């Protein structure tokens, strides 16, 4: 994707929804921690609104998680023979995550 094009589009969106808001727009203005997805020619780029601009988030829409969740880690620990999930005697804070 053309990063300059994406940057220009992101800046235009920021201007539109923060400075020159459409009269019929009822949503909130763009702010830090918002995520913007741009679809162009069938490809999607995802960008995080940072305090000083935008940061691209490659892999944000991937369906396969990059790492196991805390719950999956806990389940693996509790499936160990010494910690059967149905009769687990360890206190919650004793589990190593």
PDB file of N, CA and C in Angstrom:
ATOM      1  N   UNK A   1       0.835  -1.181   0.000  1.00  0.00           N
ATOM      2  CA  UNK A   1       0.000   0.000   0.000  1.00  0.00           C
ATOM      3  C   UNK A   1       0.878   1.242   0.000  1.00  0.00           C
ATOM      4  N   UNK A   2       0.348   2.286  -0.538  1.00  0.00           N
ATOM      5  CA  UNK A   2       1.063   3.543  -0.575  1.00  0.00           C
ATOM      6  C   UNK A   2       0.894   4.243   0.766  1.00  0.00           C
ATOM      7  N   UNK A   3       1.966   4.291   1.549  1.00  0.00           N
ATOM      8  CA  UNK A   3       1.890   4.857   2.900  1.00  0.00           C
ATOM      9  C   UNK A   3       1.597   6.353   2.866  1.00  0.00           C
ATOM     10  N   UNK A   4       2.119   7.071   1.850  1.00  0.00           N
ATOM     11  CA  UNK A   4       1.829   8.500   1.746  1.00  0.00           C
ATOM     12  C   UNK A   4       0.340   8.726   1.532  1.00  0.00           C
ATOM     13  N   UNK A   5      -0.262   7.880   0.675  1.00  0.00           N
ATOM     14  CA  UNK A   5      -1.699   7.990   0.434  1.00  0.00           C
ATOM     15  C   UNK A   5      -2.469   7.735   1.725  1.00  0.00           C
ATOM     16  N   UNK A   6      -2.102   6.673   2.453  1.00  0.00           N
ATOM     17  CA  UNK A   6      -2.773   6.360   3.716  1.00  0.00           C
ATOM     18  C   UNK A   6      -2.639   7.525   4.692  1.00  0.00           C
ATOM     19  N   UNK A   7      -1.450   8.098   4.779  1.00  0.00           N
ATOM     20  CA  UNK A   7      -1.230   9.215   5.707  1.00  0.00           C
ATOM     21  C   UNK A   7      -2.120  10.399   5.336  1.00  0.00           C
ATOM     22  N   UNK A   8      -2.225  10.686   4.037  1.00  0.00           N
ATOM     23  CA  UNK A   8      -3.082  11.794   3.598  1.00  0.00           C
ATOM     24  C   UNK A   8      -4.546  11.519   3.940  1.00  0.00           C
ATOM     25  N   UNK A   9      -5.001  10.296   3.716  1.00  0.00           N
ATOM     26  CA  UNK A   9      -6.385   9.931   4.035  1.00  0.00           C
ATOM     27  C   UNK A   9      -6.630  10.037   5.538  1.00  0.00           C
ATOM     28  N   UNK A  10      -5.688   9.557   6.333  1.00  0.00           N
ATOM     29  CA  UNK A  10      -5.838   9.624   7.788  1.00  0.00           C
ATOM     30  C   UNK A  10      -5.910  11.077   8.265  1.00  0.00           C
ATOM     31  N   UNK A  11      -5.069  11.916   7.712  1.00  0.00           N
ATOM     32  CA  UNK A  11      -5.099  13.335   8.084  1.00  0.00           C
ATOM     33  C   UNK A  11      -6.431  13.976   7.693  1.00  0.00           C
ATOM     34  N   UNK A  12      -6.942  13.627   6.493  1.00  0.00           N
ATOM     35  CA  UNK A  12      -8.235  14.164   6.057  1.00  0.00           C
ATOM     36  C   UNK A  12      -9.354  13.699   6.983  1.00  0.00           C
ATOM     37  N   UNK A  13      -9.323  12.431   7.387  1.00  0.00           N
ATOM     38  CA  UNK A  13     -10.334  11.917   8.308  1.00  0.00           C
ATOM     39  C   UNK A  13     -10.263  12.640   9.652  1.00  0.00           C
ATOM     40  N   UNK A  14      -9.044  12.856  10.128  1.00  0.00           N
ATOM     41  CA  UNK A  14      -8.880  13.568  11.399  1.00  0.00           C
ATOM     42  C   UNK A  14      -9.471  14.969  11.288  1.00  0.00           C
ATOM     43  N   UNK A  15      -9.143  15.672  10.201  1.00  0.00           N
ATOM     44  CA  UNK A  15      -9.685  17.019   9.987  1.00  0.00           C
ATOM     45  C   UNK A  15     -11.213  16.991   9.938  1.00  0.00           C
ATOM     46  N   UNK A  16     -11.744  16.013   9.182  1.00  0.00           N
ATOM     47  CA  UNK A  16     -13.191  15.930   8.993  1.00  0.00           C
ATOM     48  C   UNK A  16     -13.933  15.687  10.299  1.00  0.00           C
ATOM     49  N   UNK A  17     -13.438  14.777  11.129  1.00  0.00           N
ATOM     50  CA  UNK A  17     -14.187  14.387  12.322  1.00  0.00           C
ATOM     51  C   UNK A  17     -13.760  15.124  13.593  1.00  0.00           C
ATOM     52  N   UNK A  18     -12.760  16.021  13.484  1.00  0.00           N
ATOM     53  CA  UNK A  18     -12.358  16.794  14.652  1.00  0.00           C
ATOM     54  C   UNK A  18     -12.539  18.294  14.459  1.00  0.00           C
ATOM     55  N   UNK A  19     -12.391  18.774  13.228  1.00  0.00           N
ATOM     56  CA  UNK A  19     -12.431  20.211  12.992  1.00  0.00           C
ATOM     57  C   UNK A  19     -13.644  20.606  12.150  1.00  0.00           C
ATOM     58  N   UNK A  20     -13.874  19.897  11.065  1.00  0.00           N
ATOM     59  CA  UNK A  20     -14.967  20.232  10.138  1.00  0.00           C
ATOM     60  C   UNK A  20     -16.017  19.126  10.149  1.00  0.00           C
ATOM     61  N   UNK A  21     -16.564  18.849  11.313  1.00  0.00           N
ATOM     62  CA  UNK A  21     -17.499  17.726  11.465  1.00  0.00           C
ATOM     63  C   UNK A  21     -18.756  17.928  10.627  1.00  0.00           C
ATOM     64  N   UNK A  22     -19.171  16.883   9.904  1.00  0.00           N
ATOM     65  CA  UNK A  22     -20.436  16.969   9.156  1.00  0.00           C
ATOM     66  C   UNK A  22     -21.597  17.224  10.123  1.00  0.00           C
ATOM     67  N   UNK A  23     -22.576  18.003   9.687  1.00  0.00           N
ATOM     68  CA  UNK A  23     -23.695  18.366  10.564  1.00  0.00           C
ATOM     69  C   UNK A  23     -24.480  17.149  11.038  1.00  0.00           C
ATOM     70  N   UNK A  24     -24.578  16.124  10.189  1.00  0.00           N
ATOM     71  CA  UNK A  24     -25.376  14.952  10.563  1.00  0.00           C
ATOM     72  C   UNK A  24     -24.563  13.878  11.288  1.00  0.00           C
ATOM     73  N   UNK A  25     -23.282  14.139  11.571  1.00  0.00           N
ATOM     74  CA  UNK A  25     -22.436  13.162  12.263  1.00  0.00           C
ATOM     75  C   UNK A  25     -22.695  13.238  13.753  1.00  0.00           C
ATOM     76  N   UNK A  26     -23.065  12.107  14.350  1.00  0.00           N
ATOM     77  CA  UNK A  26     -23.392  12.075  15.778  1.00  0.00           C
ATOM     78  C   UNK A  26     -22.374  11.304  16.613  1.00  0.00           C
ATOM     79  N   UNK A  27     -21.330  10.803  15.974  1.00  0.00           N
ATOM     80  CA  UNK A  27     -20.311  10.046  16.702  1.00  0.00           C
ATOM     81  C   UNK A  27     -19.339  10.956  17.425  1.00  0.00           C
ATOM     82  N   UNK A  28     -18.351  10.349  18.074  1.00  0.00           N
ATOM     83  CA  UNK A  28     -17.356  11.151  18.787  1.00  0.00           C
ATOM     84  C   UNK A  28     -16.203  11.508  17.852  1.00  0.00           C
ATOM     85  N   UNK A  29     -15.451  12.518  18.217  1.00  0.00           N
ATOM     86  CA  UNK A  29     -14.302  12.913  17.415  1.00  0.00           C
ATOM     87  C   UNK A  29     -13.213  11.852  17.548  1.00  0.00           C
ATOM     88  N   UNK A  30     -12.288  11.844  16.593  1.00  0.00           N
ATOM     89  CA  UNK A  30     -11.179  10.897  16.666  1.00  0.00           C
ATOM     90  C   UNK A  30     -10.276  11.284  17.823  1.00  0.00           C
ATOM     91  N   UNK A  31      -9.865  10.304  18.589  1.00  0.00           N
ATOM     92  CA  UNK A  31      -8.989  10.599  19.716  1.00  0.00           C
ATOM     93  C   UNK A  31      -8.016   9.444  19.922  1.00  0.00           C
ATOM     94  N   UNK A  32      -7.055   9.674  20.798  1.00  0.00           N
ATOM     95  CA  UNK A  32      -6.038   8.669  21.087  1.00  0.00           C
ATOM     96  C   UNK A  32      -6.700   7.355  21.468  1.00  0.00           C
ATOM     97  N   UNK A  33      -6.198   6.289  20.928  1.00  0.00           N
ATOM     98  CA  UNK A  33      -6.614   4.892  21.128  1.00  0.00           C
ATOM     99  C   UNK A  33      -7.680   4.442  20.146  1.00  0.00           C
ATOM    100  N   UNK A  34      -8.213   5.345  19.312  1.00  0.00           N
ATOM    101  CA  UNK A  34      -9.135   4.903  18.267  1.00  0.00           C
ATOM    102  C   UNK A  34      -8.354   4.140  17.203  1.00  0.00           C
ATOM    103  N   UNK A  35      -9.043   3.264  16.499  1.00  0.00           N
ATOM    104  CA  UNK A  35      -8.431   2.488  15.424  1.00  0.00           C
ATOM    105  C   UNK A  35      -9.209   2.769  14.142  1.00  0.00           C
ATOM    106  N   UNK A  36      -8.473   3.069  13.070  1.00  0.00           N
ATOM    107  CA  UNK A  36      -9.070   3.374  11.776  1.00  0.00           C
ATOM    108  C   UNK A  36      -8.619   2.316  10.780  1.00  0.00           C
ATOM    109  N   UNK A  37      -9.573   1.751  10.033  1.00  0.00           N
ATOM    110  CA  UNK A  37      -9.254   0.794   8.980  1.00  0.00           C
ATOM    111  C   UNK A  37      -9.548   1.451   7.636  1.00  0.00           C
ATOM    112  N   UNK A  38      -8.592   1.349   6.716  1.00  0.00           N
ATOM    113  CA  UNK A  38      -8.750   1.894   5.373  1.00  0.00           C
ATOM    114  C   UNK A  38      -8.721   0.732   4.399  1.00  0.00           C
ATOM    115  N   UNK A  39      -9.781   0.618   3.596  1.00  0.00           N
ATOM    116  CA  UNK A  39      -9.835  -0.442   2.588  1.00  0.00           C
ATOM    117  C   UNK A  39      -9.653   0.199   1.218  1.00  0.00           C
ATOM    118  N   UNK A  40      -8.639  -0.284   0.488  1.00  0.00           N
ATOM    119  CA  UNK A  40      -8.351   0.249  -0.838  1.00  0.00           C
ATOM    120  C   UNK A  40      -7.898  -0.897  -1.725  1.00  0.00           C
ATOM    121  N   UNK A  41      -8.555  -1.026  -2.872  1.00  0.00           N
ATOM    122  CA  UNK A  41      -8.232  -2.104  -3.819  1.00  0.00           C
ATOM    123  C   UNK A  41      -8.274  -3.480  -3.155  1.00  0.00           C
ATOM    124  N   UNK A  42      -9.216  -3.686  -2.244  1.00  0.00           N
ATOM    125  CA  UNK A  42      -9.377  -4.983  -1.593  1.00  0.00           C
ATOM    126  C   UNK A  42      -8.412  -5.240  -0.456  1.00  0.00           C
ATOM    127  N   UNK A  43      -7.481  -4.331  -0.200  1.00  0.00           N
ATOM    128  CA  UNK A  43      -6.532  -4.502   0.900  1.00  0.00           C
ATOM    129  C   UNK A  43      -6.900  -3.541   2.026  1.00  0.00           C
ATOM    130  N   UNK A  44      -6.744  -4.012   3.254  1.00  0.00           N
ATOM    131  CA  UNK A  44      -7.104  -3.207   4.419  1.00  0.00           C
ATOM    132  C   UNK A  44      -5.849  -2.898   5.218  1.00  0.00           C
ATOM    133  N   UNK A  45      -5.676  -1.626   5.557  1.00  0.00           N
ATOM    134  CA  UNK A  45      -4.617  -1.245   6.492  1.00  0.00           C
ATOM    135  C   UNK A  45      -5.306  -0.688   7.729  1.00  0.00           C
ATOM    136  N   UNK A  46      -4.731  -0.979   8.880  1.00  0.00           N
ATOM    137  CA  UNK A  46      -5.332  -0.567  10.148  1.00  0.00           C
ATOM    138  C   UNK A  46      -4.338   0.347  10.863  1.00  0.00           C
ATOM    139  N   UNK A  47      -4.859   1.440  11.428  1.00  0.00           N
ATOM    140  CA  UNK A  47      -4.001   2.460  12.037  1.00  0.00           C
ATOM    141  C   UNK A  47      -4.544   2.861  13.407  1.00  0.00           C
ATOM    142  N   UNK A  48      -3.634   3.014  14.348  1.00  0.00           N
ATOM    143  CA  UNK A  48      -3.939   3.438  15.713  1.00  0.00           C
ATOM    144  C   UNK A  48      -3.771   4.949  15.792  1.00  0.00           C
ATOM    145  N   UNK A  49      -4.730   5.640  16.396  1.00  0.00           N
ATOM    146  CA  UNK A  49      -4.611   7.082  16.580  1.00  0.00           C
ATOM    147  C   UNK A  49      -3.742   7.315  17.817  1.00  0.00           C
ATOM    148  N   UNK A  50      -2.577   7.881  17.573  1.00  0.00           N
ATOM    149  CA  UNK A  50      -1.597   8.146  18.619  1.00  0.00           C
ATOM    150  C   UNK A  50      -1.692   9.615  19.022  1.00  0.00           C
ATOM    151  N   UNK A  51      -1.030  10.006  20.070  1.00  0.00           N
ATOM    152  CA  UNK A  51      -1.081  11.407  20.515  1.00  0.00           C
ATOM    153  C   UNK A  51      -0.379  12.346  19.537  1.00  0.00           C
ATOM    154  N   UNK A  52       0.483  11.796  18.676  1.00  0.00           N
ATOM    155  CA  UNK A  52       1.197  12.652  17.721  1.00  0.00           C
ATOM    156  C   UNK A  52       0.936  12.255  16.272  1.00  0.00           C
ATOM    157  N   UNK A  53       0.027  11.358  16.020  1.00  0.00           N
ATOM    158  CA  UNK A  53      -0.246  10.952  14.640  1.00  0.00           C
ATOM    159  C   UNK A  53      -0.914   9.593  14.589  1.00  0.00           C
ATOM    160  N   UNK A  54      -0.459   8.769  13.651  1.00  0.00           N
ATOM    161  CA  UNK A  54      -1.051   7.461  13.427  1.00  0.00           C
ATOM    162  C   UNK A  54       0.050   6.414  13.360  1.00  0.00           C
ATOM    163  N   UNK A  55      -0.241   5.236  13.881  1.00  0.00           N
ATOM    164  CA  UNK A  55       0.713   4.129  13.840  1.00  0.00           C
ATOM    165  C   UNK A  55       0.027   2.968  13.161  1.00  0.00           C
ATOM    166  N   UNK A  56       0.642   2.438  12.099  1.00  0.00           N
ATOM    167  CA  UNK A  56       0.041   1.305  11.402  1.00  0.00           C
ATOM    168  C   UNK A  56       0.105   0.073  12.300  1.00  0.00           C
ATOM    169  N   UNK A  57      -0.948  -0.740  12.237  1.00  0.00           N
ATOM    170  CA  UNK A  57      -1.041  -1.958  13.043  1.00  0.00           C
ATOM    171  C   UNK A  57      -1.099  -3.173  12.128  1.00  0.00           C
ATOM    172  N   UNK A  58       0.038  -3.595  11.569  1.00  0.00           N
ATOM    173  CA  UNK A  58       0.005  -4.780  10.711  1.00  0.00           C
ATOM    174  C   UNK A  58      -0.416  -6.002  11.520  1.00  0.00           C
ATOM    175  N   UNK A  59      -1.245  -6.844  10.930  1.00  0.00           N
ATOM    176  CA  UNK A  59      -1.691  -8.066  11.602  1.00  0.00           C
ATOM    177  C   UNK A  59      -2.852  -7.865  12.559  1.00  0.00           C
ATOM    178  N   UNK A  60      -3.349  -6.640  12.701  1.00  0.00           N
ATOM    179  CA  UNK A  60      -4.429  -6.347  13.653  1.00  0.00           C
ATOM    180  C   UNK A  60      -5.683  -7.157  13.350  1.00  0.00           C
ATOM    181  N   UNK A  61      -5.965  -7.393  12.078  1.00  0.00           N
ATOM    182  CA  UNK A  61      -7.183  -8.108  11.694  1.00  0.00           C
ATOM    183  C   UNK A  61      -6.969  -9.600  11.495  1.00  0.00           C
ATOM    184  N   UNK A  62      -5.753 -10.088  11.731  1.00  0.00           N
ATOM    185  CA  UNK A  62      -5.501 -11.525  11.591  1.00  0.00           C
ATOM    186  C   UNK A  62      -6.421 -12.298  12.525  1.00  0.00           C
ATOM    187  N   UNK A  63      -6.946 -13.406  12.034  1.00  0.00           N
ATOM    188  CA  UNK A  63      -7.856 -14.202  12.857  1.00  0.00           C
ATOM    189  C   UNK A  63      -7.106 -15.104  13.824  1.00  0.00           C
ATOM    190  N   UNK A  64      -5.855 -15.412  13.538  1.00  0.00           N
ATOM    191  CA  UNK A  64      -5.064 -16.267  14.427  1.00  0.00           C
ATOM    192  C   UNK A  64      -4.372 -15.387  15.472  1.00  0.00           C
ATOM    193  N   UNK A  65      -4.591 -15.635  16.754  1.00  0.00           N
ATOM    194  CA  UNK A  65      -3.950 -14.810  17.772  1.00  0.00           C
ATOM    195  C   UNK A  65      -2.433 -14.984  17.749  1.00  0.00           C
ATOM    196  N   UNK A  66      -1.713 -13.903  18.032  1.00  0.00           N
ATOM    197  CA  UNK A  66      -0.253 -13.958  18.041  1.00  0.00           C
ATOM    198  C   UNK A  66       0.267 -14.753  19.231  1.00  0.00           C
ATOM    199  N   UNK A  67      -0.450 -14.711  20.331  1.00  0.00           N
ATOM    200  CA  UNK A  67      -0.004 -15.429  21.525  1.00  0.00           C
ATOM    201  C   UNK A  67      -1.222 -15.942  22.275  1.00  0.00           C
ATOM    202  N   UNK A  68      -1.051 -16.988  23.052  1.00  0.00           N
ATOM    203  CA  UNK A  68      -2.190 -17.506  23.814  1.00  0.00           C
ATOM    204  C   UNK A  68      -2.664 -16.486  24.842  1.00  0.00           C
ATOM    205  N   UNK A  69      -3.940 -16.516  25.103  1.00  0.00           N
ATOM    206  CA  UNK A  69      -4.498 -15.596  26.094  1.00  0.00           C
ATOM    207  C   UNK A  69      -4.131 -16.060  27.499  1.00  0.00           C
ATOM    208  N   UNK A  70      -4.344 -15.196  28.452  1.00  0.00           N
ATOM    209  CA  UNK A  70      -4.091 -15.530  29.853  1.00  0.00           C
ATOM    210  C   UNK A  70      -4.946 -16.723  30.250  1.00  0.00           C
ATOM    211  N   UNK A  71      -6.212 -16.755  29.788  1.00  0.00           N
ATOM    212  CA  UNK A  71      -7.081 -17.880  30.137  1.00  0.00           C
ATOM    213  C   UNK A  71      -6.565 -19.187  29.556  1.00  0.00           C
ATOM    214  N   UNK A  72      -6.023 -19.151  28.333  1.00  0.00           N
ATOM    215  CA  UNK A  72      -5.466 -20.376  27.748  1.00  0.00           C
ATOM    216  C   UNK A  72      -4.251 -20.828  28.546  1.00  0.00           C
ATOM    217  N   UNK A  73      -3.411 -19.880  28.971  1.00  0.00           N
ATOM    218  CA  UNK A  73      -2.252 -20.241  29.794  1.00  0.00           C
ATOM    219  C   UNK A  73      -2.692 -20.874  31.104  1.00  0.00           C
ATOM    220  N   UNK A  74      -3.726 -20.299  31.730  1.00  0.00           N
ATOM    221  CA  UNK A  74      -4.230 -20.837  32.989  1.00  0.00           C
ATOM    222  C   UNK A  74      -4.809 -22.225  32.775  1.00  0.00           C
ATOM    223  N   UNK A  75      -5.548 -22.439  31.672  1.00  0.00           N
ATOM    224  CA  UNK A  75      -6.120 -23.750  31.386  1.00  0.00           C
ATOM    225  C   UNK A  75      -5.012 -24.789  31.218  1.00  0.00           C
ATOM    226  N   UNK A  76      -3.943 -24.423  30.493  1.00  0.00           N
ATOM    227  CA  UNK A  76      -2.830 -25.364  30.325  1.00  0.00           C
ATOM    228  C   UNK A  76      -2.210 -25.720  31.663  1.00  0.00           C
ATOM    229  N   UNK A  77      -2.051 -24.745  32.546  1.00  0.00           N
ATOM    230  CA  UNK A  77      -1.479 -25.009  33.874  1.00  0.00           C
ATOM    231  C   UNK A  77      -2.412 -25.909  34.672  1.00  0.00           C
ATOM    232  N   UNK A  78      -3.725 -25.645  34.580  1.00  0.00           N
ATOM    233  CA  UNK A  78      -4.680 -26.421  35.370  1.00  0.00           C
ATOM    234  C   UNK A  78      -4.916 -27.809  34.791  1.00  0.00           C
ATOM    235  N   UNK A  79      -4.539 -28.045  33.536  1.00  0.00           N
ATOM    236  CA  UNK A  79      -4.664 -29.381  32.967  1.00  0.00           C
ATOM    237  C   UNK A  79      -3.492 -30.278  33.369  1.00  0.00           C
ATOM    238  N   UNK A  80      -2.498 -29.689  34.011  1.00  0.00           N
ATOM    239  CA  UNK A  80      -1.359 -30.485  34.480  1.00  0.00           C
ATOM    240  C   UNK A  80      -1.845 -31.441  35.561  1.00  0.00           C
ATOM    241  N   UNK A  81      -1.214 -32.617  35.676  1.00  0.00           N
ATOM    242  CA  UNK A  81      -1.679 -33.622  36.651  1.00  0.00           C
ATOM    243  C   UNK A  81      -1.780 -33.103  38.085  1.00  0.00           C
ATOM    244  N   UNK A  82      -0.880 -32.213  38.464  1.00  0.00           N
ATOM    245  CA  UNK A  82      -0.914 -31.724  39.845  1.00  0.00           C
ATOM    246  C   UNK A  82      -2.009 -30.689  40.081  1.00  0.00           C
ATOM    247  N   UNK A  83      -2.721 -30.303  39.030  1.00  0.00           N
ATOM    248  CA  UNK A  83      -3.748 -29.273  39.194  1.00  0.00           C
ATOM    249  C   UNK A  83      -4.925 -29.576  38.280  1.00  0.00           C
ATOM    250  N   UNK A  84      -5.731 -30.548  38.622  1.00  0.00           N
ATOM    251  CA  UNK A  84      -6.917 -30.896  37.852  1.00  0.00           C
ATOM    252  C   UNK A  84      -7.951 -29.789  38.010  1.00  0.00           C
ATOM    253  N   UNK A  85      -8.493 -29.245  36.892  1.00  0.00           N
ATOM    254  CA  UNK A  85      -9.408 -28.101  37.003  1.00  0.00           C
ATOM    255  C   UNK A  85     -10.647 -28.357  37.847  1.00  0.00           C
ATOM    256  N   UNK A  86     -11.099 -29.599  37.956  1.00  0.00           N
ATOM    257  CA  UNK A  86     -12.312 -29.860  38.739  1.00  0.00           C
ATOM    258  C   UNK A  86     -12.023 -29.953  40.229  1.00  0.00           C
ATOM    259  N   UNK A  87     -10.793 -30.245  40.587  1.00  0.00           N
ATOM    260  CA  UNK A  87     -10.453 -30.354  42.002  1.00  0.00           C
ATOM    261  C   UNK A  87      -9.202 -29.544  42.326  1.00  0.00           C
ATOM    262  N   UNK A  88      -9.043 -28.433  41.657  1.00  0.00           N
ATOM    263  CA  UNK A  88      -7.854 -27.601  41.845  1.00  0.00           C
ATOM    264  C   UNK A  88      -7.846 -27.040  43.261  1.00  0.00           C
ATOM    265  N   UNK A  89      -6.768 -27.254  43.976  1.00  0.00           N
ATOM    266  CA  UNK A  89      -6.660 -26.776  45.348  1.00  0.00           C
ATOM    267  C   UNK A  89      -5.763 -25.538  45.450  1.00  0.00           C
ATOM    268  N   UNK A  90      -5.192 -25.117  44.337  1.00  0.00           N
ATOM    269  CA  UNK A  90      -4.333 -23.948  44.359  1.00  0.00           C
ATOM    270  C   UNK A  90      -5.184 -22.690  44.420  1.00  0.00           C
ATOM    271  N   UNK A  91      -4.769 -21.753  45.222  1.00  0.00           N
ATOM    272  CA  UNK A  91      -5.430 -20.454  45.238  1.00  0.00           C
ATOM    273  C   UNK A  91      -5.132 -19.758  43.914  1.00  0.00           C
ATOM    274  N   UNK A  92      -6.020 -18.880  43.518  1.00  0.00           N
ATOM    275  CA  UNK A  92      -5.879 -18.201  42.226  1.00  0.00           C
ATOM    276  C   UNK A  92      -4.503 -17.527  42.087  1.00  0.00           C
ATOM    277  N   UNK A  93      -4.020 -16.893  43.139  1.00  0.00           N
ATOM    278  CA  UNK A  93      -2.758 -16.173  43.039  1.00  0.00           C
ATOM    279  C   UNK A  93      -1.531 -17.093  43.090  1.00  0.00           C
ATOM    280  N   UNK A  94      -1.736 -18.409  43.293  1.00  0.00           N
ATOM    281  CA  UNK A  94      -0.622 -19.353  43.295  1.00  0.00           C
ATOM    282  C   UNK A  94      -0.274 -19.827  41.893  1.00  0.00           C
ATOM    283  N   UNK A  95      -1.177 -19.605  40.920  1.00  0.00           N
ATOM    284  CA  UNK A  95      -0.935 -20.037  39.557  1.00  0.00           C
ATOM    285  C   UNK A  95       0.115 -19.141  38.917  1.00  0.00           C
ATOM    286  N   UNK A  96       1.055 -19.783  38.206  1.00  0.00           N
ATOM    287  CA  UNK A  96       2.047 -19.004  37.453  1.00  0.00           C
ATOM    288  C   UNK A  96       1.490 -18.794  36.064  1.00  0.00           C
ATOM    289  N   UNK A  97       1.386 -17.553  35.633  1.00  0.00           N
ATOM    290  CA  UNK A  97       0.877 -17.243  34.300  1.00  0.00           C
ATOM    291  C   UNK A  97       1.988 -16.802  33.399  1.00  0.00           C
TER     292      UNK A  97
END
